Amino acid sequence: MTESVDNTNQEKLHGAYAHILSNGEYIINFTKADGSLREMHCTRDPKLIPLDNNELVIAEGVVARKPNYTALRVYEFGVGWRSFKVDNVTKLTNIELQNIVDEMLELKP
């Protein structure tokens, strides 16, 4: 019973990150499998992914794989497609919102 609850929570967390990252640019901080910390500038927004790297179209004849809710694939700017474990995220920053906050702080007397 515990395993299905964990899987349900994992699926919800995966879905939440997938939804959030589908609109805009983000910086994700997470712990890698080897324990080191990593920062990734990424998106899942098709409008921001170069056409030659956009994998949203499923190739004809490819067998669909069972969904993996432990890791999420994202497009890392300047690098290409990468993935991270959703449980290992330590911080998520929206670039556009962070820029607005930074500008407001600069205007503050």
N, C-alpha and C. Protein backbone atom coordinates (compact mmCIF):
# COMPACT_ATOMS: atom_id res chain seq x y z
N MET A 1 0.83 -1.20 0.00
CA MET A 1 0.00 0.00 0.00
C MET A 1 0.86 1.26 0.00
N THR A 2 1.91 1.27 0.79
CA THR A 2 2.79 2.44 0.85
C THR A 2 3.40 2.74 -0.51
N GLU A 3 3.77 1.69 -1.24
CA GLU A 3 4.40 1.88 -2.54
C GLU A 3 3.48 2.62 -3.50
N SER A 4 2.18 2.28 -3.53
CA SER A 4 1.27 2.95 -4.45
C SER A 4 1.05 4.40 -4.04
N VAL A 5 1.05 4.69 -2.74
CA VAL A 5 0.93 6.07 -2.27
C VAL A 5 2.16 6.85 -2.71
N ASP A 6 3.34 6.27 -2.53
CA ASP A 6 4.57 6.93 -2.96
C ASP A 6 4.56 7.16 -4.46
N ASN A 7 4.10 6.18 -5.22
CA ASN A 7 4.02 6.33 -6.67
C ASN A 7 3.05 7.43 -7.07
N THR A 8 1.93 7.52 -6.35
CA THR A 8 0.95 8.56 -6.62
C THR A 8 1.54 9.94 -6.34
N ASN A 9 2.23 10.09 -5.21
CA ASN A 9 2.86 11.36 -4.88
C ASN A 9 3.95 11.69 -5.89
N GLN A 10 4.71 10.69 -6.29
CA GLN A 10 5.77 10.89 -7.27
C GLN A 10 5.17 11.37 -8.59
N GLU A 11 4.07 10.76 -9.00
CA GLU A 11 3.41 11.14 -10.24
C GLU A 11 2.89 12.58 -10.16
N LYS A 12 2.33 12.97 -9.01
CA LYS A 12 1.84 14.34 -8.83
C LYS A 12 2.98 15.34 -8.87
N LEU A 13 4.08 15.03 -8.19
CA LEU A 13 5.25 15.92 -8.18
C LEU A 13 5.81 16.07 -9.59
N HIS A 14 5.94 14.95 -10.29
CA HIS A 14 6.43 14.96 -11.67
C HIS A 14 5.52 15.81 -12.55
N GLY A 15 4.21 15.62 -12.42
CA GLY A 15 3.24 16.39 -13.20
C GLY A 15 3.30 17.88 -12.89
N ALA A 16 3.49 18.21 -11.62
CA ALA A 16 3.58 19.63 -11.24
C ALA A 16 4.80 20.29 -11.86
N TYR A 17 5.96 19.64 -11.77
CA TYR A 17 7.17 20.19 -12.38
C TYR A 17 7.02 20.28 -13.90
N ALA A 18 6.46 19.25 -14.52
CA ALA A 18 6.29 19.26 -15.97
C ALA A 18 5.39 20.42 -16.39
N HIS A 19 4.33 20.66 -15.64
CA HIS A 19 3.41 21.75 -15.94
C HIS A 19 4.09 23.12 -15.77
N ILE A 20 4.76 23.31 -14.64
CA ILE A 20 5.42 24.58 -14.36
C ILE A 20 6.48 24.89 -15.41
N LEU A 21 7.31 23.90 -15.73
CA LEU A 21 8.43 24.12 -16.64
C LEU A 21 8.00 24.25 -18.10
N SER A 22 6.71 24.03 -18.38
CA SER A 22 6.21 24.13 -19.75
C SER A 22 5.91 25.55 -20.18
N ASN A 23 6.19 26.50 -19.29
CA ASN A 23 5.91 27.90 -19.62
C ASN A 23 7.03 28.78 -19.07
N GLY A 24 8.00 29.12 -19.91
CA GLY A 24 9.06 30.03 -19.50
C GLY A 24 10.39 29.34 -19.24
N GLU A 25 11.34 30.17 -18.77
CA GLU A 25 12.69 29.71 -18.45
C GLU A 25 12.86 29.60 -16.95
N TYR A 26 13.59 28.59 -16.52
CA TYR A 26 13.79 28.35 -15.10
C TYR A 26 15.24 27.98 -14.79
N ILE A 27 15.61 28.24 -13.56
CA ILE A 27 16.85 27.71 -13.00
C ILE A 27 16.42 26.67 -11.98
N ILE A 28 16.90 25.46 -12.15
CA ILE A 28 16.61 24.38 -11.20
C ILE A 28 17.91 24.02 -10.49
N ASN A 29 17.85 23.99 -9.18
CA ASN A 29 18.97 23.51 -8.37
C ASN A 29 18.56 22.15 -7.84
N PHE A 30 19.46 21.18 -7.96
CA PHE A 30 19.15 19.84 -7.48
C PHE A 30 20.43 19.12 -7.08
N THR A 31 20.25 18.02 -6.37
CA THR A 31 21.36 17.17 -5.96
C THR A 31 21.47 16.03 -6.96
N LYS A 32 22.66 15.87 -7.52
CA LYS A 32 22.89 14.80 -8.49
C LYS A 32 23.02 13.46 -7.76
N ALA A 33 23.00 12.39 -8.52
CA ALA A 33 23.08 11.04 -7.95
C ALA A 33 24.37 10.84 -7.15
N ASP A 34 25.46 11.53 -7.55
CA ASP A 34 26.73 11.38 -6.83
C ASP A 34 26.82 12.28 -5.59
N GLY A 35 25.75 13.04 -5.31
CA GLY A 35 25.70 13.89 -4.13
C GLY A 35 26.13 15.33 -4.38
N SER A 36 26.66 15.62 -5.56
CA SER A 36 27.07 17.00 -5.86
C SER A 36 25.85 17.84 -6.22
N LEU A 37 26.00 19.15 -6.06
CA LEU A 37 24.92 20.07 -6.37
C LEU A 37 25.05 20.55 -7.81
N ARG A 38 23.91 20.78 -8.45
CA ARG A 38 23.90 21.17 -9.86
C ARG A 38 22.87 22.25 -10.06
N GLU A 39 23.17 23.20 -10.93
CA GLU A 39 22.24 24.24 -11.33
C GLU A 39 22.02 24.11 -12.83
N MET A 40 20.76 24.14 -13.25
CA MET A 40 20.45 23.94 -14.66
C MET A 40 19.48 25.03 -15.13
N HIS A 41 19.83 25.71 -16.23
CA HIS A 41 18.98 26.71 -16.86
C HIS A 41 18.20 25.98 -17.94
N CYS A 42 16.89 25.80 -17.73
CA CYS A 42 16.15 24.90 -18.61
C CYS A 42 14.69 25.29 -18.81
N THR A 43 14.02 24.51 -19.66
CA THR A 43 12.60 24.70 -19.95
C THR A 43 12.01 23.42 -20.53
N ARG A 44 10.69 23.37 -20.59
CA ARG A 44 9.95 22.38 -21.37
C ARG A 44 9.00 23.11 -22.32
N ASP A 45 9.16 24.43 -22.41
CA ASP A 45 8.30 25.28 -23.22
C ASP A 45 8.69 25.13 -24.69
N PRO A 46 7.80 24.55 -25.53
CA PRO A 46 8.14 24.32 -26.94
C PRO A 46 8.50 25.59 -27.69
N LYS A 47 7.98 26.76 -27.25
CA LYS A 47 8.29 28.03 -27.92
C LYS A 47 9.75 28.43 -27.69
N LEU A 48 10.40 27.90 -26.67
CA LEU A 48 11.77 28.30 -26.34
C LEU A 48 12.82 27.27 -26.75
N ILE A 49 12.36 26.12 -27.23
CA ILE A 49 13.29 25.05 -27.63
C ILE A 49 13.54 25.16 -29.12
N PRO A 50 14.81 25.21 -29.53
CA PRO A 50 15.11 25.27 -30.97
C PRO A 50 14.44 24.11 -31.72
N LEU A 51 13.94 24.40 -32.91
CA LEU A 51 13.21 23.39 -33.68
C LEU A 51 14.01 22.11 -33.90
N ASP A 52 15.32 22.23 -34.11
CA ASP A 52 16.11 21.03 -34.36
C ASP A 52 16.28 20.18 -33.10
N ASN A 53 15.91 20.71 -31.93
CA ASN A 53 16.00 19.96 -30.68
C ASN A 53 14.64 19.63 -30.09
N ASN A 54 13.57 20.06 -30.75
CA ASN A 54 12.24 19.87 -30.20
C ASN A 54 11.79 18.43 -30.42
N GLU A 55 11.68 17.68 -29.34
CA GLU A 55 11.33 16.26 -29.39
C GLU A 55 9.88 16.00 -29.03
N LEU A 56 9.04 17.00 -29.16
CA LEU A 56 7.65 16.82 -28.76
C LEU A 56 6.88 15.92 -29.72
N VAL A 57 7.37 15.80 -30.94
CA VAL A 57 6.71 14.94 -31.93
C VAL A 57 7.25 13.52 -31.75
N ILE A 58 6.36 12.57 -31.54
CA ILE A 58 6.76 11.18 -31.37
C ILE A 58 6.97 10.56 -32.74
N ALA A 59 8.11 9.93 -32.93
CA ALA A 59 8.43 9.32 -34.22
C ALA A 59 7.49 8.17 -34.51
N GLU A 60 7.06 8.07 -35.74
CA GLU A 60 6.17 7.00 -36.15
C GLU A 60 6.88 5.66 -36.00
N GLY A 61 6.19 4.69 -35.44
CA GLY A 61 6.75 3.35 -35.29
C GLY A 61 7.51 3.13 -34.00
N VAL A 62 7.69 4.16 -33.21
CA VAL A 62 8.41 4.01 -31.94
C VAL A 62 7.43 3.49 -30.89
N VAL A 63 7.85 2.48 -30.17
CA VAL A 63 7.01 1.91 -29.12
C VAL A 63 7.04 2.84 -27.91
N ALA A 64 5.87 3.20 -27.42
CA ALA A 64 5.80 4.07 -26.25
C ALA A 64 6.31 3.33 -25.02
N ARG A 65 7.13 4.04 -24.23
CA ARG A 65 7.65 3.46 -23.00
C ARG A 65 6.72 3.75 -21.83
N LYS A 66 6.85 2.93 -20.80
CA LYS A 66 6.10 3.16 -19.57
C LYS A 66 6.58 4.47 -18.96
N PRO A 67 5.67 5.33 -18.52
CA PRO A 67 6.08 6.61 -17.96
C PRO A 67 7.00 6.44 -16.75
N ASN A 68 8.02 7.28 -16.68
CA ASN A 68 8.95 7.28 -15.55
C ASN A 68 8.70 8.56 -14.76
N TYR A 69 8.13 8.43 -13.57
CA TYR A 69 7.79 9.60 -12.79
C TYR A 69 8.88 10.00 -11.81
N THR A 70 10.01 9.30 -11.81
CA THR A 70 11.09 9.68 -10.90
C THR A 70 11.98 10.75 -11.52
N ALA A 71 12.10 10.76 -12.86
CA ALA A 71 12.95 11.73 -13.54
C ALA A 71 12.13 12.52 -14.55
N LEU A 72 12.57 13.75 -14.80
CA LEU A 72 11.88 14.60 -15.76
C LEU A 72 12.88 15.11 -16.78
N ARG A 73 12.53 14.97 -18.06
CA ARG A 73 13.39 15.48 -19.15
C ARG A 73 13.08 16.95 -19.39
N VAL A 74 14.14 17.73 -19.51
CA VAL A 74 14.02 19.15 -19.80
C VAL A 74 15.06 19.53 -20.84
N TYR A 75 14.85 20.66 -21.48
CA TYR A 75 15.83 21.17 -22.42
C TYR A 75 16.71 22.17 -21.68
N GLU A 76 18.01 21.86 -21.57
CA GLU A 76 18.95 22.79 -20.92
C GLU A 76 19.52 23.69 -22.00
N PHE A 77 19.37 25.00 -21.81
CA PHE A 77 19.85 25.97 -22.79
C PHE A 77 21.35 25.83 -22.99
N GLY A 78 21.76 25.79 -24.26
CA GLY A 78 23.16 25.70 -24.61
C GLY A 78 23.75 24.31 -24.50
N VAL A 79 22.96 23.34 -24.05
CA VAL A 79 23.46 21.98 -23.85
C VAL A 79 22.63 20.96 -24.61
N GLY A 80 21.34 20.96 -24.39
CA GLY A 80 20.45 19.97 -25.01
C GLY A 80 19.57 19.32 -23.96
N TRP A 81 19.05 18.17 -24.31
CA TRP A 81 18.12 17.46 -23.42
C TRP A 81 18.86 16.80 -22.26
N ARG A 82 18.33 17.01 -21.06
CA ARG A 82 18.87 16.43 -19.83
C ARG A 82 17.69 16.01 -18.96
N SER A 83 17.98 15.33 -17.88
CA SER A 83 16.92 14.97 -16.94
C SER A 83 17.44 15.12 -15.52
N PHE A 84 16.50 15.22 -14.60
CA PHE A 84 16.84 15.29 -13.17
C PHE A 84 15.77 14.53 -12.41
N LYS A 85 16.14 14.05 -11.23
CA LYS A 85 15.17 13.36 -10.37
C LYS A 85 14.34 14.41 -9.64
N VAL A 86 13.03 14.31 -9.76
CA VAL A 86 12.16 15.33 -9.18
C VAL A 86 12.27 15.39 -7.66
N ASP A 87 12.61 14.29 -7.02
CA ASP A 87 12.76 14.28 -5.56
C ASP A 87 13.99 15.05 -5.10
N ASN A 88 14.94 15.29 -6.01
CA ASN A 88 16.22 15.90 -5.63
C ASN A 88 16.27 17.41 -5.86
N VAL A 89 15.16 18.02 -6.27
CA VAL A 89 15.13 19.46 -6.51
C VAL A 89 15.20 20.20 -5.17
N THR A 90 16.12 21.17 -5.10
CA THR A 90 16.26 21.97 -3.89
C THR A 90 15.74 23.39 -4.07
N LYS A 91 15.69 23.85 -5.34
CA LYS A 91 15.21 25.21 -5.60
C LYS A 91 14.78 25.31 -7.05
N LEU A 92 13.71 26.08 -7.28
CA LEU A 92 13.19 26.32 -8.63
C LEU A 92 12.95 27.81 -8.76
N THR A 93 13.60 28.44 -9.74
CA THR A 93 13.49 29.89 -9.91
C THR A 93 13.01 30.21 -11.31
N ASN A 94 11.95 31.01 -11.40
CA ASN A 94 11.45 31.48 -12.69
C ASN A 94 12.30 32.68 -13.09
N ILE A 95 12.97 32.61 -14.24
CA ILE A 95 13.88 33.66 -14.69
C ILE A 95 13.16 35.00 -14.82
N GLU A 96 12.00 35.01 -15.47
CA GLU A 96 11.27 36.26 -15.69
C GLU A 96 10.88 36.92 -14.36
N LEU A 97 10.34 36.13 -13.43
CA LEU A 97 9.96 36.69 -12.14
C LEU A 97 11.17 37.16 -11.35
N GLN A 98 12.27 36.42 -11.43
CA GLN A 98 13.48 36.82 -10.72
C GLN A 98 14.02 38.14 -11.27
N ASN A 99 13.96 38.32 -12.58
CA ASN A 99 14.40 39.57 -13.19
C ASN A 99 13.55 40.75 -12.72
N ILE A 100 12.24 40.54 -12.59
CA ILE A 100 11.34 41.59 -12.09
C ILE A 100 11.69 41.95 -10.66
N VAL A 101 11.90 40.94 -9.82
CA VAL A 101 12.27 41.18 -8.43
C VAL A 101 13.60 41.92 -8.35
N ASP A 102 14.58 41.50 -9.13
CA ASP A 102 15.89 42.16 -9.13
C ASP A 102 15.76 43.63 -9.53
N GLU A 103 14.95 43.92 -10.55
CA GLU A 103 14.75 45.30 -10.98
C GLU A 103 14.08 46.13 -9.89
N MET A 104 13.10 45.53 -9.21
CA MET A 104 12.40 46.25 -8.13
C MET A 104 13.37 46.55 -6.99
N LEU A 105 14.24 45.61 -6.68
CA LEU A 105 15.20 45.83 -5.60
C LEU A 105 16.20 46.94 -5.96
N GLU A 106 16.55 47.05 -7.24
CA GLU A 106 17.46 48.11 -7.68
C GLU A 106 16.80 49.49 -7.56
N LEU A 107 15.48 49.56 -7.73
CA LEU A 107 14.76 50.82 -7.63
C LEU A 107 14.49 51.24 -6.20
N LYS A 108 14.60 50.31 -5.28
CA LYS A 108 14.29 50.58 -3.87
C LYS A 108 15.31 51.56 -3.29
N PRO A 109 14.84 52.62 -2.62
CA PRO A 109 15.77 53.63 -2.08
C PRO A 109 16.59 53.09 -0.91
